Amino acid sequence: MEENMPSKARTAFDANVQDIDKLLEFHAAGGGDQPGRRYGLEVLNKSSIVLITSFWESYCEDLAEEALEVIVEHAPNADALPKEIKKVIAKALKEDKNELAIWRISDDKWRDVLRMNFVELKTERNKTFATPKSFNVNHLFESALGLSDMSSNWKWERMTAVQAAKKLNEFVSMRGDIAHRGSSTSTVKKSQVVDYLKHVKMLAAKTGGAVKKHVKAITGQDLW
């Protein structure tokens, strides 16, 4: 299942990746479209890899936040929540030393607990999610929405979920090399930028579709 209509997160993502199209246009204007390395233009390729990774990271975070808000607003009761989200609520209560903490989830107060938990998770992710590889994406959606093994949804014609995750991880690692080593890192080709952008667009569609299905199962509401 994929997104039929765009989420707010996907709309923002699509707007962001237009910057990559512009960089590719600059590359074509400066070096043409014929095969071969274009000296002096590789910085555009490296910048594109960094930006695509950043846009993918933002998309995942925005989508998780958007979906959680729908769950909080429209889940009929706490019993409708996935096991992982119930664990989040239980953990929050267990860590609260106030003996009256249990009353925080009465009268639908569990909704406030989930909102607060997401804020705390966001603070934690600012330290860890700067590398949006498959395992970090899996952790994000499981901890925020109770949606396990997100990367298992990343499959399409001639691409298995394992291959899709591996390919993402390799590109994110490339982004890390560029960010930390700058110009001394290995060559980045325009074809790699095009491939990465295409791959991340497919990942975004599959991720959005999985989240939409998950949210509807909990709330009965379409996410978008």
Protein backbone atom coordinates (compact mmCIF):
# COMPACT_ATOMS: atom_id res chain seq x y z
CA MET A 1 0.00 0.00 0.00
CA GLU A 2 1.28 3.44 -0.88
CA GLU A 3 0.09 6.99 -0.40
CA ASN A 4 -2.79 7.89 -2.74
CA MET A 5 -3.16 11.45 -1.51
CA PRO A 6 -0.18 13.16 0.07
CA SER A 7 0.25 13.63 3.79
CA LYS A 8 1.50 16.97 5.05
CA ALA A 9 4.87 15.28 5.53
CA ARG A 10 4.92 14.08 1.92
CA THR A 11 3.87 17.49 0.61
CA ALA A 12 6.80 19.07 2.46
CA PHE A 13 9.14 16.32 1.23
CA ASP A 14 8.11 16.83 -2.40
CA ALA A 15 8.68 20.57 -2.05
CA ASN A 16 12.11 19.98 -0.53
CA VAL A 17 13.35 17.61 -3.22
CA GLN A 18 12.74 20.29 -5.84
CA ASP A 19 16.04 21.70 -4.58
CA ILE A 20 17.73 18.52 -5.80
CA ASP A 21 16.17 18.93 -9.23
CA LYS A 22 17.60 22.45 -9.34
CA LEU A 23 21.07 21.20 -8.41
CA LEU A 24 20.85 18.59 -11.16
CA GLU A 25 19.84 21.34 -13.59
CA PHE A 26 22.88 23.37 -12.56
CA HIS A 27 25.01 20.29 -13.13
CA ALA A 28 23.57 19.77 -16.61
CA ALA A 29 24.00 23.46 -17.46
CA GLY A 30 27.61 23.44 -16.33
CA GLY A 31 28.69 20.11 -17.71
CA GLY A 32 26.07 18.80 -20.10
CA ASP A 33 24.25 15.48 -19.96
CA GLN A 34 26.86 13.33 -21.67
CA PRO A 35 28.63 10.56 -19.68
CA GLY A 36 31.91 11.37 -18.01
CA ARG A 37 33.23 13.07 -14.93
CA ARG A 38 32.71 16.83 -14.64
CA TYR A 39 35.56 18.39 -12.71
CA GLY A 40 34.50 21.28 -10.52
CA LEU A 41 30.87 20.13 -10.43
CA GLU A 42 31.23 17.24 -8.01
CA VAL A 43 30.44 19.56 -5.11
CA LEU A 44 26.87 19.68 -6.45
CA ASN A 45 26.66 15.90 -6.27
CA LYS A 46 27.95 15.82 -2.71
CA SER A 47 25.60 18.59 -1.64
CA SER A 48 22.71 16.67 -3.16
CA ILE A 49 23.54 13.51 -1.21
CA VAL A 50 23.60 15.49 2.04
CA LEU A 51 20.32 17.23 1.25
CA ILE A 52 18.46 14.07 0.21
CA THR A 53 19.43 12.43 3.49
CA SER A 54 18.24 15.45 5.43
CA PHE A 55 14.93 15.51 3.55
CA TRP A 56 14.39 11.79 4.22
CA GLU A 57 15.10 12.29 7.91
CA SER A 58 12.65 15.19 8.13
CA TYR A 59 9.98 13.27 6.25
CA CYS A 60 10.11 10.34 8.67
CA GLU A 61 9.94 12.59 11.73
CA ASP A 62 7.14 14.74 10.30
CA LEU A 63 5.13 11.68 9.28
CA ALA A 64 5.46 10.07 12.72
CA GLU A 65 4.33 13.27 14.41
CA GLU A 66 1.42 13.73 12.02
CA ALA A 67 0.26 10.14 12.51
CA LEU A 68 0.57 10.24 16.29
CA GLU A 69 -1.64 13.31 16.46
CA VAL A 70 -4.37 11.47 14.55
CA ILE A 71 -4.05 8.47 16.89
CA VAL A 72 -4.22 10.69 19.96
CA GLU A 73 -7.25 12.56 18.64
CA HIS A 74 -9.24 9.69 17.16
CA ALA A 75 -8.40 6.39 18.90
CA PRO A 76 -11.70 5.39 20.55
CA ASN A 77 -10.01 4.33 23.79
CA ALA A 78 -6.73 3.02 25.19
CA ASP A 79 -7.73 -0.58 24.39
CA ALA A 80 -7.52 0.24 20.68
CA LEU A 81 -3.83 1.14 20.95
CA PRO A 82 -1.07 -1.20 19.75
CA LYS A 83 0.90 -3.08 22.37
CA GLU A 84 3.99 -0.92 21.85
CA ILE A 85 2.09 2.30 22.54
CA LYS A 86 0.54 0.76 25.66
CA LYS A 87 4.08 -0.04 26.78
CA VAL A 88 5.01 3.62 26.35
CA ILE A 89 2.17 4.67 28.65
CA ALA A 90 3.02 1.97 31.20
CA LYS A 91 6.70 2.97 31.18
CA ALA A 92 5.82 6.63 31.75
CA LEU A 93 3.68 5.72 34.74
CA LYS A 94 6.29 3.36 36.16
CA GLU A 95 8.96 6.05 36.03
CA ASP A 96 6.68 8.61 37.70
CA LYS A 97 7.33 8.50 41.44
CA ASN A 98 4.06 10.27 42.19
CA GLU A 99 1.77 7.65 43.73
CA LEU A 100 -1.20 9.32 42.07
CA ALA A 101 0.36 9.02 38.60
CA ILE A 102 -2.06 6.26 37.62
CA TRP A 103 -4.81 8.87 37.54
CA ARG A 104 -2.98 10.61 34.70
CA ILE A 105 -4.50 8.10 32.28
CA SER A 106 -8.04 8.31 33.58
CA ASP A 107 -10.64 10.29 31.65
CA ASP A 108 -8.62 10.00 28.44
CA LYS A 109 -5.51 11.54 30.01
CA TRP A 110 -3.48 8.80 28.29
CA ARG A 111 -3.71 11.04 25.23
CA ASP A 112 -1.69 13.71 27.04
CA VAL A 113 0.84 11.08 28.13
CA LEU A 114 1.42 10.10 24.51
CA ARG A 115 1.87 13.70 23.43
CA MET A 116 4.42 14.30 26.18
CA ASN A 117 6.22 11.09 25.31
CA PHE A 118 6.57 12.17 21.70
CA VAL A 119 8.14 15.45 22.78
CA GLU A 120 10.65 13.51 24.90
CA LEU A 121 11.36 11.11 22.06
CA LYS A 122 11.95 14.04 19.74
CA THR A 123 14.59 15.43 22.10
CA GLU A 124 16.27 12.03 22.23
CA ARG A 125 16.12 11.61 18.44
CA ASN A 126 17.86 14.92 17.92
CA LYS A 127 20.91 13.13 19.32
CA THR A 128 20.53 9.82 17.49
CA PHE A 129 18.38 10.17 14.37
CA ALA A 130 20.84 12.29 12.40
CA THR A 131 21.70 9.02 10.66
CA PRO A 132 18.31 7.90 9.29
CA LYS A 133 19.38 4.37 8.41
CA SER A 134 16.87 1.53 8.35
CA PHE A 135 17.29 0.50 11.99
CA ASN A 136 16.82 4.07 13.24
CA VAL A 137 13.73 4.50 11.07
CA ASN A 138 12.36 1.22 12.44
CA HIS A 139 12.94 2.44 16.00
CA LEU A 140 11.28 5.78 15.29
CA PHE A 141 8.00 4.33 14.06
CA GLU A 142 7.90 1.58 16.67
CA SER A 143 8.55 3.91 19.60
CA ALA A 144 6.24 6.68 18.37
CA LEU A 145 3.39 4.73 16.77
CA GLY A 146 3.76 1.12 17.82
CA LEU A 147 4.42 0.21 14.17
CA SER A 148 7.06 -2.52 14.10
CA ASP A 149 9.63 -3.29 11.40
CA MET A 150 8.85 -0.43 9.07
CA SER A 151 11.63 -1.46 6.68
CA SER A 152 9.78 -4.72 5.90
CA ASN A 153 7.39 -2.58 3.81
CA TRP A 154 10.16 -1.32 1.54
CA LYS A 155 9.74 -3.71 -1.36
CA TRP A 156 8.72 -3.26 -4.97
CA GLU A 157 9.46 -4.75 -8.36
CA ARG A 158 13.07 -5.97 -8.47
CA MET A 159 13.73 -4.65 -4.96
CA THR A 160 13.41 -6.72 -1.79
CA ALA A 161 13.02 -5.11 1.63
CA VAL A 162 16.51 -6.28 2.58
CA GLN A 163 18.01 -4.77 -0.57
CA ALA A 164 16.11 -1.51 -0.07
CA ALA A 165 17.33 -1.15 3.51
CA LYS A 166 20.91 -1.98 2.53
CA LYS A 167 20.86 0.56 -0.28
CA LEU A 168 19.50 3.27 2.02
CA ASN A 169 22.13 2.51 4.65
CA GLU A 170 24.94 2.75 2.11
CA PHE A 171 23.77 6.14 0.88
CA VAL A 172 23.36 7.46 4.43
CA SER A 173 26.89 6.26 5.17
CA MET A 174 28.07 8.14 2.07
CA ARG A 175 26.40 11.25 3.47
CA GLY A 176 28.33 10.75 6.72
CA ASP A 177 31.62 10.47 4.85
CA ILE A 178 30.89 13.69 2.96
CA ALA A 179 29.88 15.57 6.09
CA HIS A 180 32.90 14.48 8.10
CA ARG A 181 35.62 14.32 5.46
CA GLY A 182 34.45 16.90 2.94
CA SER A 183 36.37 17.04 -0.29
CA SER A 184 38.70 14.20 0.69
CA THR A 185 35.94 11.59 0.40
CA SER A 186 35.63 9.37 -2.66
CA THR A 187 34.05 10.54 -5.89
CA VAL A 188 30.28 11.06 -5.97
CA LYS A 189 28.70 10.78 -9.41
CA LYS A 190 25.58 12.46 -10.74
CA SER A 191 24.14 9.01 -11.47
CA GLN A 192 24.38 8.20 -7.76
CA VAL A 193 22.41 11.34 -6.88
CA VAL A 194 19.68 10.39 -9.36
CA ASP A 195 19.60 6.83 -8.01
CA TYR A 196 19.46 7.95 -4.37
CA LEU A 197 16.67 10.45 -5.04
CA LYS A 198 14.61 7.83 -6.86
CA HIS A 199 15.20 5.33 -4.05
CA VAL A 200 14.20 7.72 -1.28
CA LYS A 201 11.04 8.71 -3.15
CA MET A 202 10.03 5.05 -3.24
CA LEU A 203 10.87 4.63 0.44
CA ALA A 204 8.75 7.66 1.28
CA ALA A 205 5.78 6.23 -0.63
CA LYS A 206 6.05 2.81 1.02
CA THR A 207 6.56 4.33 4.46
CA GLY A 208 3.59 6.65 4.05
CA GLY A 209 1.37 3.80 2.89
CA ALA A 210 2.30 1.62 5.87
CA VAL A 211 1.64 4.44 8.34
CA LYS A 212 -1.70 5.25 6.73
CA LYS A 213 -2.83 1.62 7.01
CA HIS A 214 -1.62 1.40 10.63
CA VAL A 215 -3.40 4.58 11.73
CA LYS A 216 -6.67 3.56 10.08
CA ALA A 217 -6.58 0.18 11.82
CA ILE A 218 -6.34 1.96 15.19
CA THR A 219 -8.66 4.90 14.67
CA GLY A 220 -10.89 4.10 11.71
CA GLN A 221 -9.74 7.46 10.33
CA ASP A 222 -7.78 8.09 7.16
CA LEU A 223 -4.53 9.87 7.94
CA TRP A 224 -5.06 12.04 4.85
